[in-house]
Protein backbone atom coordinates (compact mmCIF):
# COMPACT_ATOMS: atom_id res chain seq x y z
CA UNK A 1 58.56 92.24 0.56
CA UNK A 2 61.31 92.15 3.01
CA UNK A 3 60.72 92.45 6.66
CA UNK A 4 61.55 95.48 8.42
CA UNK A 5 61.59 93.72 11.99
CA UNK A 6 64.82 94.35 13.81
CA UNK A 7 67.18 91.28 14.20
CA UNK A 8 66.54 89.42 17.57
CA UNK A 9 69.30 89.54 20.21
CA UNK A 10 70.73 86.07 20.96
CA UNK A 11 69.22 85.16 24.62
CA UNK A 12 71.59 86.13 27.57
CA UNK A 13 73.47 89.01 25.57
CA UNK A 14 72.82 92.44 27.06
CA UNK A 15 73.04 95.19 24.73
CA UNK A 16 75.65 97.82 25.39
CA UNK A 17 74.75 100.88 26.99
CA UNK A 18 76.54 104.29 27.53
CA UNK A 19 74.92 105.12 30.84
CA UNK A 20 72.93 108.27 31.60
CA UNK A 21 73.28 111.36 33.80
CA UNK A 22 75.04 110.79 37.30
CA UNK A 23 75.95 107.19 36.34
CA UNK A 24 77.54 108.00 33.13
CA UNK A 25 79.55 110.62 34.91
CA UNK A 26 80.79 108.45 37.82
CA UNK A 27 81.74 105.82 35.44
CA UNK A 28 83.84 108.07 33.38
CA UNK A 29 85.57 109.23 36.42
CA UNK A 30 85.92 105.80 37.59
CA UNK A 31 87.66 104.95 34.23
CA UNK A 32 89.80 108.05 34.24
CA UNK A 33 90.87 107.68 37.88
CA UNK A 34 92.28 104.27 37.19
CA UNK A 35 94.57 105.81 34.56
CA UNK A 36 95.21 109.25 36.29
CA UNK A 37 96.31 109.37 38.80
CA UNK A 38 96.25 105.99 40.06
CA UNK A 39 98.05 104.47 36.93
CA UNK A 40 100.72 106.89 37.22
CA UNK A 41 101.33 106.20 40.63
CA UNK A 42 101.17 102.30 40.20
CA UNK A 43 104.09 102.66 37.45
CA UNK A 44 106.00 105.07 39.82
CA UNK A 45 105.60 102.74 42.82
CA UNK A 46 106.86 99.57 40.80
CA UNK A 47 109.95 101.42 39.68
CA UNK A 48 110.52 103.01 43.04
CA UNK A 49 110.28 99.31 44.50
CA UNK A 50 112.74 98.00 42.21
CA UNK A 51 115.35 99.93 44.14
CA UNK A 52 115.24 97.09 46.62
CA UNK A 53 117.24 94.78 43.97
CA UNK A 54 120.20 97.06 44.66
CA UNK A 55 120.11 96.59 48.36
CA UNK A 56 118.91 98.15 51.37
CA UNK A 57 120.80 101.41 51.24
CA UNK A 58 119.50 102.13 47.66
CA UNK A 59 115.69 101.14 48.66
CA UNK A 60 115.90 103.46 52.01
CA UNK A 61 117.27 106.54 49.72
CA UNK A 62 114.41 106.14 47.45
CA UNK A 63 111.97 105.99 50.37
CA UNK A 64 113.71 109.24 51.92
CA UNK A 65 113.49 110.89 48.57
CA UNK A 66 109.79 110.27 47.88
CA UNK A 67 109.02 111.49 51.75
CA UNK A 68 111.03 114.57 50.85
CA UNK A 69 108.78 115.94 48.24
CA UNK A 70 106.95 118.89 48.95
CA UNK A 71 103.42 118.90 50.03
CA UNK A 72 103.79 114.84 50.23
CA UNK A 73 100.73 114.28 52.56
CA UNK A 74 98.70 116.41 50.35
CA UNK A 75 99.88 114.55 47.28
CA UNK A 76 99.23 111.32 49.08
CA UNK A 77 95.78 112.52 50.06
CA UNK A 78 94.49 113.62 46.97
CA UNK A 79 96.60 111.85 44.36
CA UNK A 80 96.86 108.26 46.03
CA UNK A 81 94.37 107.62 48.92
CA UNK A 82 91.10 109.38 47.94
CA UNK A 83 91.36 108.16 44.27
CA UNK A 84 92.17 104.53 45.14
CA UNK A 85 88.94 104.58 47.73
CA UNK A 86 86.80 106.01 44.96
CA UNK A 87 88.01 103.78 42.32
CA UNK A 88 88.14 100.53 44.55
CA UNK A 89 84.46 101.04 46.40
CA UNK A 90 82.66 102.26 43.04
CA UNK A 91 84.47 99.43 41.22
CA UNK A 92 82.95 97.14 43.73
CA UNK A 93 79.62 98.64 43.19
CA UNK A 94 79.82 98.09 39.44
CA UNK A 95 80.69 94.63 39.90
CA UNK A 96 77.69 94.16 42.38
CA UNK A 97 75.33 95.54 39.72
CA UNK A 98 76.87 93.70 36.76
CA UNK A 99 76.36 90.26 35.26
CA UNK A 100 79.08 87.98 33.94
CA UNK A 101 77.41 84.81 33.01
CA UNK A 102 80.67 82.86 32.62
CA UNK A 103 79.05 79.45 33.29
CA UNK A 104 76.50 79.92 30.61
CA UNK A 105 78.46 82.10 28.09
CA UNK A 106 82.08 81.72 28.43
CA UNK A 107 83.15 83.93 26.07
CA UNK A 108 86.65 86.00 26.04
CA UNK A 109 84.64 89.11 27.00
CA UNK A 110 83.02 87.64 29.93
CA UNK A 111 86.26 85.96 31.08
CA UNK A 112 88.06 89.47 30.86
CA UNK A 113 85.22 91.22 32.58
CA UNK A 114 85.42 88.62 35.31
CA UNK A 115 89.25 88.77 35.77
CA UNK A 116 89.11 92.67 35.86
CA UNK A 117 86.42 92.56 38.85
CA UNK A 118 88.33 89.74 40.73
CA UNK A 119 92.20 91.48 40.08
CA UNK A 120 90.69 94.69 41.33
CA UNK A 121 89.20 93.08 44.69
CA UNK A 122 92.64 91.57 45.32
CA UNK A 123 94.93 94.64 44.29
CA UNK A 124 92.53 96.74 46.67
CA UNK A 125 92.87 94.38 49.58
CA UNK A 126 96.78 94.19 48.84
CA UNK A 127 97.01 97.92 48.94
CA UNK A 128 95.03 98.11 51.93
CA UNK A 129 97.15 95.58 54.04
CA UNK A 130 100.34 97.22 52.26
CA UNK A 131 99.42 100.86 53.23
CA UNK A 132 98.27 99.87 56.85
CA UNK A 133 101.46 97.78 57.81
CA UNK A 134 104.13 100.02 56.28
CA UNK A 135 102.74 103.41 57.16
CA UNK A 136 100.51 103.04 60.08
CA UNK A 137 102.44 100.29 62.28
CA UNK A 138 105.81 99.86 63.98
CA UNK A 139 108.62 102.00 62.89
CA UNK A 140 107.53 105.30 61.26
CA UNK A 141 109.28 105.20 57.81
CA UNK A 142 108.61 108.91 56.80
CA UNK A 143 110.72 109.81 59.73
CA UNK A 144 113.06 106.79 59.59
CA UNK A 145 113.12 105.75 55.92
CA UNK A 146 116.40 103.67 56.01
CA UNK A 147 114.43 101.06 58.02
CA UNK A 148 112.05 100.61 55.14
CA UNK A 149 114.12 97.47 53.66
CA UNK A 150 113.99 95.70 57.01
CA UNK A 151 110.39 96.28 57.69
CA UNK A 152 109.37 94.55 54.25
CA UNK A 153 111.77 92.02 55.08
CA UNK A 154 109.87 91.21 58.33
CA UNK A 155 106.78 90.65 56.23
CA UNK A 156 108.56 88.35 54.04
CA UNK A 157 109.47 86.05 57.11
CA UNK A 158 106.03 84.46 56.46
CA UNK A 159 105.48 82.30 53.41
CA UNK A 160 101.74 83.25 53.29
CA UNK A 161 102.73 86.86 53.20
CA UNK A 162 105.23 86.01 50.10
CA UNK A 163 102.06 84.61 48.35
CA UNK A 164 99.83 87.40 49.16
CA UNK A 165 102.56 90.12 47.80
CA UNK A 166 103.10 87.95 44.53
CA UNK A 167 99.05 87.66 44.25
CA UNK A 168 99.09 91.39 44.63
CA UNK A 169 101.59 92.34 42.16
CA UNK A 170 100.05 90.03 39.60
CA UNK A 171 96.61 91.48 40.21
CA UNK A 172 97.69 95.15 40.13
CA UNK A 173 99.60 94.49 36.80
CA UNK A 174 96.72 92.90 35.17
CA UNK A 175 94.08 95.20 36.41
CA UNK A 176 96.15 98.31 35.33
CA UNK A 177 96.91 96.97 32.13
CA UNK A 178 93.64 95.60 30.89
CA UNK A 179 92.01 98.90 32.29
CA UNK A 180 94.22 100.98 30.27
CA UNK A 181 93.06 98.69 27.04
CA UNK A 182 89.32 99.27 28.34
CA UNK A 183 90.17 103.34 28.58
CA UNK A 184 91.62 103.50 25.27
CA UNK A 185 88.56 101.78 23.68
CA UNK A 186 86.09 103.54 25.91
CA UNK A 187 87.32 106.92 25.07
CA UNK A 188 87.98 106.61 21.39
CA UNK A 189 91.64 106.38 21.34
CA UNK A 190 91.56 103.02 19.76
CA UNK A 191 88.92 102.93 16.92
CA UNK A 192 88.36 99.73 14.98
CA UNK A 193 88.97 95.94 15.94
CA UNK A 194 92.46 95.94 14.20
CA UNK A 195 93.77 99.15 16.70
CA UNK A 196 92.11 97.40 19.46
CA UNK A 197 93.63 94.11 18.91
CA UNK A 198 97.14 95.58 18.39
CA UNK A 199 97.02 97.73 21.65
CA UNK A 200 95.80 94.49 23.40
CA UNK A 201 99.35 93.22 22.79
CA UNK A 202 100.81 96.31 24.11
CA UNK A 203 98.81 96.20 27.36
CA UNK A 204 99.63 92.32 27.70
CA UNK A 205 103.33 93.08 27.29
CA UNK A 206 102.90 96.08 29.73
CA UNK A 207 101.29 93.49 32.37
CA UNK A 208 104.19 90.90 31.77
CA UNK A 209 106.81 93.60 32.26
CA UNK A 210 105.16 94.99 35.56
CA UNK A 211 105.08 91.47 36.99
CA UNK A 212 108.74 90.99 36.05
CA UNK A 213 109.62 94.19 37.75
CA UNK A 214 107.64 93.19 40.74
CA UNK A 215 109.17 89.64 40.95
CA UNK A 216 112.51 91.42 40.82
CA UNK A 217 111.66 93.94 43.68
CA UNK A 218 110.59 90.83 46.10
CA UNK A 219 113.53 88.84 45.05
CA UNK A 220 115.86 91.89 46.32
CA UNK A 221 114.24 91.59 49.65
CA UNK A 222 114.30 87.91 49.74
CA UNK A 223 117.93 87.48 48.35
CA UNK A 224 119.57 89.97 51.05
CA UNK A 225 120.62 88.73 54.48
CA UNK A 226 117.82 89.50 57.33
CA UNK A 227 118.31 93.01 58.39
CA UNK A 228 117.29 94.00 62.16
CA UNK A 229 114.40 96.18 62.50
CA UNK A 230 115.52 98.79 65.12
CA UNK A 231 112.62 98.71 67.49
CA UNK A 232 114.22 101.78 69.27
CA UNK A 233 113.03 104.02 66.64
CA UNK A 234 109.44 103.10 66.93
CA UNK A 235 106.87 105.28 67.68
CA UNK A 236 102.81 105.97 67.85
CA UNK A 237 101.99 107.04 64.17
CA UNK A 238 100.58 110.58 64.00
CA UNK A 239 99.49 112.08 60.68
CA UNK A 240 101.75 114.87 59.97
């Protein structure tokens, strides 16, 4: 007579859990916020920054255009800052509660899980520094957008900041692209191993494309002659 006992789970491999109640809702919101609005903002930001390759005037005009949008402060607050804070801080909480077991179980899933957590931390730190420096120190770029190119160039005078920008671009590109793959799997968009594998190639191409766009943007700042920052337009930053 065949045994009806359930097959044993290999030690160290935790069963998948969908989550319950509030935890399930928060994780779903965390997953969704990484695509909308954060992912859309990331794509727009990469494309806008690529204007730096055309020079200071083109970049300044792009900054001026973005700051001329109606309700720009509300769009930034509710469409960028609050979602990023929630996604980043709750992501850290998920990481704190998780266990990747890379040393004992070096499988691709564990490595991808860990890379997603670390790239998220790096990207979050990069966005915090980037936003603070450009938005809340020195020249107020919403009022003086043509100073934006020179202000970024000022940071690039420090080799460690160039390395930090490069790391932030790579981390954000990977985190978003793999997050998109996870989103499609979790929300039932890609069903079956074949669909997930094929979409994985698409997401890998997206990550490489974003890194390339980021590299072009950085090259635009680095190749151009250093522009002086007009400190005469510096002012105390006040939210408007």
